[in-house]
Protein backbone atom coordinates (compact mmCIF):
# COMPACT_ATOMS: atom_id res chain seq x y z
CA GLN A 1 96.62 105.91 96.12
CA GLU A 2 98.53 106.92 92.99
CA GLY A 3 96.30 108.74 90.53
CA PHE A 4 94.08 110.15 93.28
CA ARG A 5 96.61 112.44 94.93
CA LEU A 6 96.38 116.23 95.02
CA PRO A 7 99.79 117.85 95.56
CA MET A 8 98.12 121.10 96.64
CA LEU A 9 96.15 119.45 99.44
CA ASN A 10 97.51 117.59 102.44
CA ALA A 11 95.33 115.21 104.43
CA ILE A 12 96.55 114.98 108.02
CA ARG A 13 95.35 112.10 110.18
CA LEU A 14 94.37 113.24 113.67
CA PRO A 15 95.23 111.39 116.87
CA ASP A 16 92.16 110.10 118.70
CA THR A 17 93.03 112.40 121.62
CA LEU A 18 92.38 115.60 119.64
CA ASP A 19 88.93 117.15 119.32
CA ASP A 20 88.70 117.97 115.63
CA GLN A 21 85.91 120.53 115.72
CA SER A 22 86.98 122.53 118.78
CA ILE A 23 90.59 122.85 117.61
CA ARG A 24 89.55 123.93 114.10
CA GLN A 25 87.15 126.46 115.64
CA ARG A 26 89.90 127.92 117.85
CA LEU A 27 92.29 128.11 114.90
CA LEU A 28 89.65 130.07 113.00
CA VAL A 29 88.52 132.40 115.80
CA GLU A 30 91.84 133.01 117.55
CA HIS A 31 94.24 132.89 114.60
CA ARG A 32 92.09 133.37 111.48
CA ILE A 33 93.29 130.03 110.09
CA GLU A 34 90.68 127.88 108.40
CA ILE A 35 91.28 124.14 108.14
CA GLY A 36 89.03 121.82 106.14
CA ALA A 37 87.40 118.93 107.95
CA GLY A 38 87.46 115.38 106.73
CA LEU A 39 84.53 114.33 104.58
CA GLY A 40 82.45 111.16 104.60
CA ASP A 41 84.27 108.28 106.29
CA PHE A 42 87.10 110.67 107.15
CA ALA A 43 84.94 113.13 109.13
CA GLY A 44 86.58 113.83 112.49
CA LYS A 45 89.61 111.75 111.51
CA VAL A 46 91.57 114.01 109.14
CA TRP A 47 92.14 117.65 108.30
CA ARG A 48 92.49 118.89 104.76
CA ILE A 49 95.17 121.56 104.59
CA GLY A 50 95.56 123.49 101.34
CA LEU A 51 98.99 124.49 100.08
CA MET A 52 98.20 126.84 97.23
CA GLY A 53 98.92 130.52 96.73
CA GLU A 54 99.68 132.39 99.96
CA ASN A 55 99.36 129.17 101.99
CA ALA A 56 102.31 127.67 100.10
CA ARG A 57 104.69 130.27 101.56
CA PRO A 58 106.94 129.27 104.49
CA HIS A 59 105.59 132.01 106.77
CA ALA A 60 102.02 130.68 106.39
CA VAL A 61 103.13 127.18 107.33
CA GLU A 62 105.04 128.53 110.34
CA GLN A 63 102.02 130.59 111.40
CA PHE A 64 99.80 127.49 111.29
CA LEU A 65 102.28 125.33 113.23
CA THR A 66 102.80 128.01 115.87
CA ALA A 67 99.04 128.48 116.35
CA LEU A 68 98.47 124.72 116.54
CA LYS A 69 101.21 124.32 119.16
CA LYS A 70 99.60 127.04 121.30
CA ILE A 71 96.21 125.35 121.12
CA ILE A 72 97.25 121.76 121.77
CA ILE A 73 100.12 122.75 124.09
CA ILE A 74 102.97 120.67 122.71
């Protein structure tokens, strides 16, 4: 909703087929990428991905997407 948006934070809705916790754990352990979990009513339904500082650079976004593809086997 307008007025409640944070341009430096993306909320990504997860498909029901993905296991939120296990994928975030693998991203952290295998690729050193930490993704915020959804809070409250959004727990297990969204990821919170920050886009500030180093994470705003194209190579960081590519690194995340490449790691995610390896884990969920797109």
